[in-house]
Amino acid sequence: MDVRTSIRRRMWVLGAALCSLAAVTTAWSQDKTIVMASTTSTEQSGLFGHLLPLFKEATGIDVRVVAVGTGQALDTGRRGDADIVFVHDTVAEEKFVAEGFATRRMPVMYNDFVVVGPASDPAQVKGNDIAAALARLKTSGAPFISRGDKSGTHAAELRLWKAAGIDVAAAKPAGYKECGCGMGPALNMGSSSGAYVLTDRGTWLSFKNRGDLAILVEGDKRLFNQYGVMVVNPAKHPHVKSALAQQFADWVVSAAGQKAIADYKIGGQQLFFPNAER
């Protein structure tokens, strides 16, 4: 093989390699898929099954949801394994922003927590005073299933026990059990064992395996449950698709996104109530 042929062959190989690289780069840049770390309540309630097709229709962007507890969702964002987080623990969310993992937290919607338990209510907790209800659960020794998973619901539960003057970390009530699981599995455990459970109303309304469980405590302002969305800061993780993620954040707080949230109902009941600040 002469020198010219050898050079031409090498140039051809180099050109093919550059074309392949360009094709991969173009495909990557045109990949309109983002990863959202979110809570089990937004997934298990069916809200995302309603919202995300509407968002894709409006923008062409696919959203892949990683549904875990709020604590895990925030940690996923901290590692740069998600482009956006959609969770419900305002204190933890503000800490996430303060640490620089997001530049802004945007309120999106709210619903409330309720306590469900056996319809016969052996611990006599029924009413609209969550502190009194938890005090009765402690003194009665009735079974109570805690998620125990550092989720937003678990964090809210711990704050409610504390507000009732009960330190479950120091001394757990006799019937207190931690499942280390999502909201659906916790409700399944409550249904099968006749236990009390703190749950967000959205998951409860979509939950089918209720058995003898019924809502017993609701209406206390301390049961308010706010959700927020945050785009992961590209200054921390340059690879995140912050521009695409910001499109979701902007859409979900827009008039169209807020209407989509309000329109989602099960059995005629609205699960989430939009309250974005626009």
C-alpha atoms as a PDB file:
ATOM      1  CA  MET A   1       0.000   0.000   0.000  1.00  0.00           C
ATOM      2  CA  ASP A   2       1.521   3.371  -1.006  1.00  0.00           C
ATOM      3  CA  VAL A   3       1.682   6.350   1.335  1.00  0.00           C
ATOM      4  CA  ARG A   4      -1.125   8.248  -0.403  1.00  0.00           C
ATOM      5  CA  THR A   5      -3.556   5.335  -0.117  1.00  0.00           C
ATOM      6  CA  SER A   6      -2.658   4.907   3.549  1.00  0.00           C
ATOM      7  CA  ILE A   7      -3.273   8.593   4.249  1.00  0.00           C
ATOM      8  CA  ARG A   8      -6.606   8.549   2.382  1.00  0.00           C
ATOM      9  CA  ARG A   9      -7.729   5.495   4.356  1.00  0.00           C
ATOM     10  CA  ARG A  10      -6.805   7.118   7.652  1.00  0.00           C
ATOM     11  CA  MET A  11      -8.609  10.304   6.693  1.00  0.00           C
ATOM     12  CA  TRP A  12     -11.720   8.295   5.794  1.00  0.00           C
ATOM     13  CA  VAL A  13     -11.688   6.513   9.181  1.00  0.00           C
ATOM     14  CA  LEU A  14     -11.211   9.823  10.992  1.00  0.00           C
ATOM     15  CA  GLY A  15     -14.049  11.417   9.021  1.00  0.00           C
ATOM     16  CA  ALA A  16     -16.394   8.512   9.804  1.00  0.00           C
ATOM     17  CA  ALA A  17     -15.541   8.763  13.491  1.00  0.00           C
ATOM     18  CA  LEU A  18     -16.224  12.502  13.525  1.00  0.00           C
ATOM     19  CA  CYS A  19     -19.561  11.981  11.762  1.00  0.00           C
ATOM     20  CA  SER A  20     -20.555   9.357  14.329  1.00  0.00           C
ATOM     21  CA  LEU A  21     -19.595  11.667  17.176  1.00  0.00           C
ATOM     22  CA  ALA A  22     -21.580  14.492  15.626  1.00  0.00           C
ATOM     23  CA  ALA A  23     -24.609  12.233  15.254  1.00  0.00           C
ATOM     24  CA  VAL A  24     -24.396  11.161  18.908  1.00  0.00           C
ATOM     25  CA  THR A  25     -23.959  14.775  20.053  1.00  0.00           C
ATOM     26  CA  THR A  26     -26.923  15.917  17.978  1.00  0.00           C
ATOM     27  CA  ALA A  27     -29.100  13.087  19.268  1.00  0.00           C
ATOM     28  CA  TRP A  28     -28.120  13.937  22.851  1.00  0.00           C
ATOM     29  CA  SER A  29     -28.843  17.625  22.392  1.00  0.00           C
ATOM     30  CA  GLN A  30     -32.209  16.844  20.834  1.00  0.00           C
ATOM     31  CA  ASP A  31     -33.204  14.340  23.556  1.00  0.00           C
ATOM     32  CA  LYS A  32     -36.168  16.057  25.170  1.00  0.00           C
ATOM     33  CA  THR A  33     -36.415  13.849  28.237  1.00  0.00           C
ATOM     34  CA  ILE A  34     -35.924  14.966  31.820  1.00  0.00           C
ATOM     35  CA  VAL A  35     -35.766  13.065  35.086  1.00  0.00           C
ATOM     36  CA  MET A  36     -37.977  14.270  37.918  1.00  0.00           C
ATOM     37  CA  ALA A  37     -37.482  13.030  41.473  1.00  0.00           C
ATOM     38  CA  SER A  38     -40.803  13.292  43.252  1.00  0.00           C
ATOM     39  CA  THR A  39     -42.871  11.917  46.079  1.00  0.00           C
ATOM     40  CA  THR A  40     -44.845   8.708  46.049  1.00  0.00           C
ATOM     41  CA  SER A  41     -48.027  10.715  46.678  1.00  0.00           C
ATOM     42  CA  THR A  42     -47.868  12.573  43.353  1.00  0.00           C
ATOM     43  CA  GLU A  43     -47.260   9.296  41.530  1.00  0.00           C
ATOM     44  CA  GLN A  44     -49.599   6.961  43.435  1.00  0.00           C
ATOM     45  CA  SER A  45     -52.458   9.471  43.441  1.00  0.00           C
ATOM     46  CA  GLY A  46     -52.434   9.375  39.642  1.00  0.00           C
ATOM     47  CA  LEU A  47     -51.687  13.092  39.339  1.00  0.00           C
ATOM     48  CA  PHE A  48     -48.658  12.636  37.085  1.00  0.00           C
ATOM     49  CA  GLY A  49     -50.569  10.239  34.880  1.00  0.00           C
ATOM     50  CA  HIS A  50     -52.909  13.176  34.278  1.00  0.00           C
ATOM     51  CA  LEU A  51     -50.388  16.045  34.122  1.00  0.00           C
ATOM     52  CA  LEU A  52     -47.433  14.720  32.182  1.00  0.00           C
ATOM     53  CA  PRO A  53     -49.231  13.876  28.909  1.00  0.00           C
ATOM     54  CA  LEU A  54     -50.619  17.430  28.909  1.00  0.00           C
ATOM     55  CA  PHE A  55     -47.130  18.837  29.473  1.00  0.00           C
ATOM     56  CA  LYS A  56     -45.677  16.716  26.679  1.00  0.00           C
ATOM     57  CA  GLU A  57     -48.442  17.813  24.331  1.00  0.00           C
ATOM     58  CA  ALA A  58     -47.598  21.463  25.107  1.00  0.00           C
ATOM     59  CA  THR A  59     -43.794  21.188  24.925  1.00  0.00           C
ATOM     60  CA  GLY A  60     -42.742  17.859  23.394  1.00  0.00           C
ATOM     61  CA  ILE A  61     -40.771  17.061  26.555  1.00  0.00           C
ATOM     62  CA  ASP A  62     -40.956  13.618  28.168  1.00  0.00           C
ATOM     63  CA  VAL A  63     -40.683  13.378  31.953  1.00  0.00           C
ATOM     64  CA  ARG A  64     -39.364  10.227  33.613  1.00  0.00           C
ATOM     65  CA  VAL A  65     -40.484  10.141  37.236  1.00  0.00           C
ATOM     66  CA  VAL A  66     -38.469   8.612  40.067  1.00  0.00           C
ATOM     67  CA  ALA A  67     -41.094   8.300  42.821  1.00  0.00           C
ATOM     68  CA  VAL A  68     -39.553   8.043  46.293  1.00  0.00           C
ATOM     69  CA  GLY A  69     -39.961   9.782  49.637  1.00  0.00           C
ATOM     70  CA  THR A  70     -39.220  13.512  49.728  1.00  0.00           C
ATOM     71  CA  GLY A  71     -35.926  12.990  51.584  1.00  0.00           C
ATOM     72  CA  GLN A  72     -34.723  10.535  48.958  1.00  0.00           C
ATOM     73  CA  ALA A  73     -35.976  12.774  46.142  1.00  0.00           C
ATOM     74  CA  LEU A  74     -33.957  15.701  47.483  1.00  0.00           C
ATOM     75  CA  ASP A  75     -30.889  13.486  47.857  1.00  0.00           C
ATOM     76  CA  THR A  76     -31.352  12.386  44.237  1.00  0.00           C
ATOM     77  CA  GLY A  77     -31.246  16.036  43.245  1.00  0.00           C
ATOM     78  CA  ARG A  78     -28.202  16.655  45.425  1.00  0.00           C
ATOM     79  CA  ARG A  79     -26.344  13.896  43.570  1.00  0.00           C
ATOM     80  CA  GLY A  80     -27.335  15.340  40.200  1.00  0.00           C
ATOM     81  CA  ASP A  81     -29.314  12.219  39.322  1.00  0.00           C
ATOM     82  CA  ALA A  82     -32.436  14.275  38.578  1.00  0.00           C
ATOM     83  CA  ASP A  83     -33.041  17.453  36.632  1.00  0.00           C
ATOM     84  CA  ILE A  84     -35.923  18.646  38.793  1.00  0.00           C
ATOM     85  CA  VAL A  85     -37.539  17.766  42.125  1.00  0.00           C
ATOM     86  CA  PHE A  86     -41.236  18.029  43.024  1.00  0.00           C
ATOM     87  CA  VAL A  87     -41.769  17.384  46.750  1.00  0.00           C
ATOM     88  CA  HIS A  88     -43.689  18.380  49.888  1.00  0.00           C
ATOM     89  CA  ASP A  89     -41.514  19.364  52.818  1.00  0.00           C
ATOM     90  CA  THR A  90     -41.093  23.139  52.816  1.00  0.00           C
ATOM     91  CA  VAL A  91     -38.396  23.161  55.520  1.00  0.00           C
ATOM     92  CA  ALA A  92     -36.279  20.600  53.651  1.00  0.00           C
ATOM     93  CA  GLU A  93     -36.890  22.356  50.329  1.00  0.00           C
ATOM     94  CA  GLU A  94     -35.680  25.694  51.706  1.00  0.00           C
ATOM     95  CA  LYS A  95     -32.563  23.940  53.005  1.00  0.00           C
ATOM     96  CA  PHE A  96     -32.016  22.472  49.506  1.00  0.00           C
ATOM     97  CA  VAL A  97     -32.069  25.994  48.061  1.00  0.00           C
ATOM     98  CA  ALA A  98     -29.848  27.387  50.832  1.00  0.00           C
ATOM     99  CA  GLU A  99     -27.266  24.695  50.056  1.00  0.00           C
ATOM    100  CA  GLY A 100     -27.176  25.867  46.444  1.00  0.00           C
ATOM    101  CA  PHE A 101     -28.701  22.754  44.875  1.00  0.00           C
ATOM    102  CA  ALA A 102     -31.478  24.929  43.435  1.00  0.00           C
ATOM    103  CA  THR A 103     -31.698  28.669  43.003  1.00  0.00           C
ATOM    104  CA  ARG A 104     -35.429  28.930  43.609  1.00  0.00           C
ATOM    105  CA  ARG A 105     -38.319  27.036  45.155  1.00  0.00           C
ATOM    106  CA  MET A 106     -41.696  27.532  43.494  1.00  0.00           C
ATOM    107  CA  PRO A 107     -44.919  26.662  45.374  1.00  0.00           C
ATOM    108  CA  VAL A 108     -47.254  24.674  43.158  1.00  0.00           C
ATOM    109  CA  MET A 109     -50.242  23.210  45.001  1.00  0.00           C
ATOM    110  CA  TYR A 110     -51.516  21.897  48.313  1.00  0.00           C
ATOM    111  CA  ASN A 111     -53.819  19.352  49.830  1.00  0.00           C
ATOM    112  CA  ASP A 112     -53.993  18.050  53.390  1.00  0.00           C
ATOM    113  CA  PHE A 113     -53.102  15.138  55.588  1.00  0.00           C
ATOM    114  CA  VAL A 114     -55.724  12.981  57.270  1.00  0.00           C
ATOM    115  CA  VAL A 115     -55.591  10.215  59.846  1.00  0.00           C
ATOM    116  CA  VAL A 116     -57.341   7.043  58.773  1.00  0.00           C
ATOM    117  CA  GLY A 117     -58.094   4.085  60.974  1.00  0.00           C
ATOM    118  CA  PRO A 118     -60.664   1.384  61.783  1.00  0.00           C
ATOM    119  CA  ALA A 119     -64.186   2.714  61.324  1.00  0.00           C
ATOM    120  CA  SER A 120     -65.022   1.542  64.852  1.00  0.00           C
ATOM    121  CA  ASP A 121     -62.263   3.904  66.106  1.00  0.00           C
ATOM    122  CA  PRO A 122     -61.145   1.938  69.184  1.00  0.00           C
ATOM    123  CA  ALA A 123     -58.739   4.726  70.225  1.00  0.00           C
ATOM    124  CA  GLN A 124     -61.519   7.333  69.938  1.00  0.00           C
ATOM    125  CA  VAL A 125     -59.501   9.803  67.907  1.00  0.00           C
ATOM    126  CA  LYS A 126     -62.284  11.035  65.613  1.00  0.00           C
ATOM    127  CA  GLY A 127     -62.445  14.812  65.233  1.00  0.00           C
ATOM    128  CA  ASN A 128     -60.481  17.760  63.911  1.00  0.00           C
ATOM    129  CA  ASP A 129     -57.764  18.066  66.582  1.00  0.00           C
ATOM    130  CA  ILE A 130     -54.633  16.215  65.479  1.00  0.00           C
ATOM    131  CA  ALA A 131     -52.755  16.798  68.755  1.00  0.00           C
ATOM    132  CA  ALA A 132     -55.589  15.331  70.811  1.00  0.00           C
ATOM    133  CA  ALA A 133     -55.850  12.392  68.402  1.00  0.00           C
ATOM    134  CA  LEU A 134     -52.143  11.554  68.687  1.00  0.00           C
ATOM    135  CA  ALA A 135     -52.312  11.832  72.476  1.00  0.00           C
ATOM    136  CA  ARG A 136     -55.152   9.281  72.490  1.00  0.00           C
ATOM    137  CA  LEU A 137     -53.184   6.974  70.202  1.00  0.00           C
ATOM    138  CA  LYS A 138     -50.271   7.111  72.646  1.00  0.00           C
ATOM    139  CA  THR A 139     -52.317   6.414  75.784  1.00  0.00           C
ATOM    140  CA  SER A 140     -54.452   3.709  74.155  1.00  0.00           C
ATOM    141  CA  GLY A 141     -51.519   1.795  72.670  1.00  0.00           C
ATOM    142  CA  ALA A 142     -53.524   1.402  69.454  1.00  0.00           C
ATOM    143  CA  PRO A 143     -51.499   0.291  66.405  1.00  0.00           C
ATOM    144  CA  PHE A 144     -50.130   3.141  64.290  1.00  0.00           C
ATOM    145  CA  ILE A 145     -48.173   2.656  61.076  1.00  0.00           C
ATOM    146  CA  SER A 146     -45.467   5.260  60.432  1.00  0.00           C
ATOM    147  CA  ARG A 147     -43.796   5.441  57.046  1.00  0.00           C
ATOM    148  CA  GLY A 148     -40.438   5.851  58.777  1.00  0.00           C
ATOM    149  CA  ASP A 149     -38.778   6.650  55.448  1.00  0.00           C
ATOM    150  CA  LYS A 150     -37.722  10.317  55.751  1.00  0.00           C
ATOM    151  CA  SER A 151     -40.465  11.253  53.305  1.00  0.00           C
ATOM    152  CA  GLY A 152     -42.411  14.498  53.429  1.00  0.00           C
ATOM    153  CA  THR A 153     -45.276  12.653  55.088  1.00  0.00           C
ATOM    154  CA  HIS A 154     -42.933  11.129  57.657  1.00  0.00           C
ATOM    155  CA  ALA A 155     -41.410  14.545  58.397  1.00  0.00           C
ATOM    156  CA  ALA A 156     -44.900  16.007  58.842  1.00  0.00           C
ATOM    157  CA  GLU A 157     -45.868  13.135  61.120  1.00  0.00           C
ATOM    158  CA  LEU A 158     -42.843  13.716  63.365  1.00  0.00           C
ATOM    159  CA  ARG A 159     -43.646  17.433  63.605  1.00  0.00           C
ATOM    160  CA  LEU A 160     -47.235  16.622  64.568  1.00  0.00           C
ATOM    161  CA  TRP A 161     -46.172  14.213  67.325  1.00  0.00           C
ATOM    162  CA  LYS A 162     -43.787  16.873  68.628  1.00  0.00           C
ATOM    163  CA  ALA A 163     -46.532  19.522  68.560  1.00  0.00           C
ATOM    164  CA  ALA A 164     -48.637  17.129  70.644  1.00  0.00           C
ATOM    165  CA  GLY A 165     -45.834  16.982  73.213  1.00  0.00           C
ATOM    166  CA  ILE A 166     -44.811  13.433  72.311  1.00  0.00           C
ATOM    167  CA  ASP A 167     -41.207  12.563  71.430  1.00  0.00           C
ATOM    168  CA  VAL A 168     -41.492   9.365  69.397  1.00  0.00           C
ATOM    169  CA  ALA A 169     -37.733   9.324  68.815  1.00  0.00           C
ATOM    170  CA  ALA A 170     -37.074   9.059  72.540  1.00  0.00           C
ATOM    171  CA  ALA A 171     -39.916   6.681  73.406  1.00  0.00           C
ATOM    172  CA  LYS A 172     -42.199   5.228  70.768  1.00  0.00           C
ATOM    173  CA  PRO A 173     -45.824   4.574  71.815  1.00  0.00           C
ATOM    174  CA  ALA A 174     -46.686   0.912  72.380  1.00  0.00           C
ATOM    175  CA  GLY A 175     -48.494   0.467  69.074  1.00  0.00           C
ATOM    176  CA  TYR A 176     -46.070   2.525  66.951  1.00  0.00           C
ATOM    177  CA  LYS A 177     -44.530   0.638  64.011  1.00  0.00           C
ATOM    178  CA  GLU A 178     -42.261   1.975  61.245  1.00  0.00           C
ATOM    179  CA  CYS A 179     -42.544   0.301  57.872  1.00  0.00           C
ATOM    180  CA  GLY A 180     -39.802   2.186  55.991  1.00  0.00           C
ATOM    181  CA  CYS A 181     -42.126   2.187  52.992  1.00  0.00           C
ATOM    182  CA  GLY A 182     -44.172   4.362  50.663  1.00  0.00           C
ATOM    183  CA  MET A 183     -47.669   5.651  51.299  1.00  0.00           C
ATOM    184  CA  GLY A 184     -49.476   2.876  49.441  1.00  0.00           C
ATOM    185  CA  PRO A 185     -47.711   0.029  51.293  1.00  0.00           C
ATOM    186  CA  ALA A 186     -48.250   1.835  54.622  1.00  0.00           C
ATOM    187  CA  LEU A 187     -51.972   2.036  53.904  1.00  0.00           C
ATOM    188  CA  ASN A 188     -52.014  -1.634  52.917  1.00  0.00           C
ATOM    189  CA  MET A 189     -50.435  -2.488  56.261  1.00  0.00           C
ATOM    190  CA  GLY A 190     -52.997  -0.343  58.043  1.00  0.00           C
ATOM    191  CA  SER A 191     -55.839  -2.000  56.183  1.00  0.00           C
ATOM    192  CA  SER A 192     -54.639  -5.536  56.896  1.00  0.00           C
ATOM    193  CA  SER A 193     -53.841  -4.935  60.582  1.00  0.00           C
ATOM    194  CA  GLY A 194     -56.544  -2.471  61.618  1.00  0.00           C
ATOM    195  CA  ALA A 195     -53.998   0.253  62.352  1.00  0.00           C
ATOM    196  CA  TYR A 196     -54.147   4.020  62.215  1.00  0.00           C
ATOM    197  CA  VAL A 197     -52.137   5.821  59.489  1.00  0.00           C
ATOM    198  CA  LEU A 198     -51.346   9.434  58.635  1.00  0.00           C
ATOM    199  CA  THR A 199     -51.751   9.854  54.878  1.00  0.00           C
ATOM    200  CA  ASP A 200     -52.052  12.623  52.333  1.00  0.00           C
ATOM    201  CA  ARG A 201     -55.610  12.915  51.096  1.00  0.00           C
ATOM    202  CA  GLY A 202     -54.621  12.498  47.444  1.00  0.00           C
ATOM    203  CA  THR A 203     -53.177   9.017  47.968  1.00  0.00           C
ATOM    204  CA  TRP A 204     -56.112   8.070  50.180  1.00  0.00           C
ATOM    205  CA  LEU A 205     -58.687   9.046  47.546  1.00  0.00           C
ATOM    206  CA  SER A 206     -56.915   6.889  44.956  1.00  0.00           C
ATOM    207  CA  PHE A 207     -56.335   3.965  47.360  1.00  0.00           C
ATOM    208  CA  LYS A 208     -58.564   0.957  46.630  1.00  0.00           C
ATOM    209  CA  ASN A 209     -57.688  -1.570  49.341  1.00  0.00           C
ATOM    210  CA  ARG A 210     -59.299   0.353  52.198  1.00  0.00           C
ATOM    211  CA  GLY A 211     -60.909  -2.565  54.000  1.00  0.00           C
ATOM    212  CA  ASP A 212     -62.391  -1.201  57.228  1.00  0.00           C
ATOM    213  CA  LEU A 213     -60.348   2.011  57.192  1.00  0.00           C
ATOM    214  CA  ALA A 214     -62.065   5.405  57.186  1.00  0.00           C
ATOM    215  CA  ILE A 215     -61.010   9.027  57.606  1.00  0.00           C
ATOM    216  CA  LEU A 216     -61.171   9.856  61.315  1.00  0.00           C
ATOM    217  CA  VAL A 217     -59.162  13.060  61.749  1.00  0.00           C
ATOM    218  CA  GLU A 218     -59.284  15.944  59.265  1.00  0.00           C
ATOM    219  CA  GLY A 219     -59.754  19.680  59.094  1.00  0.00           C
ATOM    220  CA  ASP A 220     -57.004  20.782  61.501  1.00  0.00           C
ATOM    221  CA  LYS A 221     -54.971  23.628  59.935  1.00  0.00           C
ATOM    222  CA  ARG A 222     -51.809  21.836  61.105  1.00  0.00           C
ATOM    223  CA  LEU A 223     -52.572  19.129  58.524  1.00  0.00           C
ATOM    224  CA  PHE A 224     -51.918  21.529  55.612  1.00  0.00           C
ATOM    225  CA  ASN A 225     -49.652  19.904  52.984  1.00  0.00           C
ATOM    226  CA  GLN A 226     -47.770  22.195  50.556  1.00  0.00           C
ATOM    227  CA  TYR A 227     -45.922  21.007  47.421  1.00  0.00           C
ATOM    228  CA  GLY A 228     -43.077  22.802  45.666  1.00  0.00           C
ATOM    229  CA  VAL A 229     -40.917  22.359  42.559  1.00  0.00           C
ATOM    230  CA  MET A 230     -37.197  23.132  42.135  1.00  0.00           C
ATOM    231  CA  VAL A 231     -34.872  22.877  39.144  1.00  0.00           C
ATOM    232  CA  VAL A 232     -31.498  21.365  40.049  1.00  0.00           C
ATOM    233  CA  ASN A 233     -28.787  24.020  39.844  1.00  0.00           C
ATOM    234  CA  PRO A 234     -26.471  23.473  36.828  1.00  0.00           C
ATOM    235  CA  ALA A 235     -23.734  25.314  38.737  1.00  0.00           C
ATOM    236  CA  LYS A 236     -23.621  22.233  40.990  1.00  0.00           C
ATOM    237  CA  HIS A 237     -24.207  19.661  38.243  1.00  0.00           C
ATOM    238  CA  PRO A 238     -23.442  21.011  34.753  1.00  0.00           C
ATOM    239  CA  HIS A 239     -24.878  17.922  33.044  1.00  0.00           C
ATOM    240  CA  VAL A 240     -28.465  18.468  34.224  1.00  0.00           C
ATOM    241  CA  LYS A 241     -31.000  19.553  31.613  1.00  0.00           C
ATOM    242  CA  SER A 242     -31.895  22.719  33.466  1.00  0.00           C
ATOM    243  CA  ALA A 243     -33.438  24.509  30.472  1.00  0.00           C
ATOM    244  CA  LEU A 244     -35.871  21.643  29.791  1.00  0.00           C
ATOM    245  CA  ALA A 245     -36.548  21.229  33.517  1.00  0.00           C
ATOM    246  CA  GLN A 246     -37.295  24.936  33.804  1.00  0.00           C
ATOM    247  CA  GLN A 247     -39.922  24.527  31.093  1.00  0.00           C
ATOM    248  CA  PHE A 248     -41.734  22.030  33.315  1.00  0.00           C
ATOM    249  CA  ALA A 249     -41.423  24.284  36.378  1.00  0.00           C
ATOM    250  CA  ASP A 250     -42.766  27.249  34.395  1.00  0.00           C
ATOM    251  CA  TRP A 251     -45.600  25.192  32.902  1.00  0.00           C
ATOM    252  CA  VAL A 252     -46.789  23.669  36.179  1.00  0.00           C
ATOM    253  CA  VAL A 253     -47.173  27.129  37.762  1.00  0.00           C
ATOM    254  CA  SER A 254     -48.695  28.673  34.623  1.00  0.00           C
ATOM    255  CA  ALA A 255     -52.424  29.126  34.140  1.00  0.00           C
ATOM    256  CA  ALA A 256     -52.517  25.961  31.998  1.00  0.00           C
ATOM    257  CA  GLY A 257     -50.614  23.841  34.517  1.00  0.00           C
ATOM    258  CA  GLN A 258     -52.607  25.119  37.468  1.00  0.00           C
ATOM    259  CA  LYS A 259     -55.875  24.397  35.663  1.00  0.00           C
ATOM    260  CA  ALA A 260     -54.654  20.873  34.892  1.00  0.00           C
ATOM    261  CA  ILE A 261     -53.985  20.301  38.597  1.00  0.00           C
ATOM    262  CA  ALA A 262     -57.412  21.635  39.587  1.00  0.00           C
ATOM    263  CA  ASP A 263     -59.106  19.483  36.945  1.00  0.00           C
ATOM    264  CA  TYR A 264     -57.704  16.225  38.336  1.00  0.00           C
ATOM    265  CA  LYS A 265     -60.438  14.516  40.337  1.00  0.00           C
ATOM    266  CA  ILE A 266     -61.353  11.044  41.540  1.00  0.00           C
ATOM    267  CA  GLY A 267     -65.021  10.279  42.122  1.00  0.00           C
ATOM    268  CA  GLY A 268     -65.781  13.968  41.685  1.00  0.00           C
ATOM    269  CA  GLN A 269     -63.349  14.974  44.444  1.00  0.00           C
ATOM    270  CA  GLN A 270     -60.437  17.298  43.732  1.00  0.00           C
ATOM    271  CA  LEU A 271     -57.141  15.869  45.025  1.00  0.00           C
ATOM    272  CA  PHE A 272     -54.836  18.892  44.803  1.00  0.00           C
ATOM    273  CA  PHE A 273     -55.453  22.635  44.912  1.00  0.00           C
ATOM    274  CA  PRO A 274     -53.184  24.935  42.849  1.00  0.00           C
ATOM    275  CA  ASN A 275     -51.632  27.890  44.686  1.00  0.00           C
ATOM    276  CA  ALA A 276     -48.666  29.015  42.582  1.00  0.00           C
ATOM    277  CA  GLU A 277     -47.433  32.558  43.110  1.00  0.00           C
ATOM    278  CA  ARG A 278     -47.657  34.260  39.740  1.00  0.00           C
END
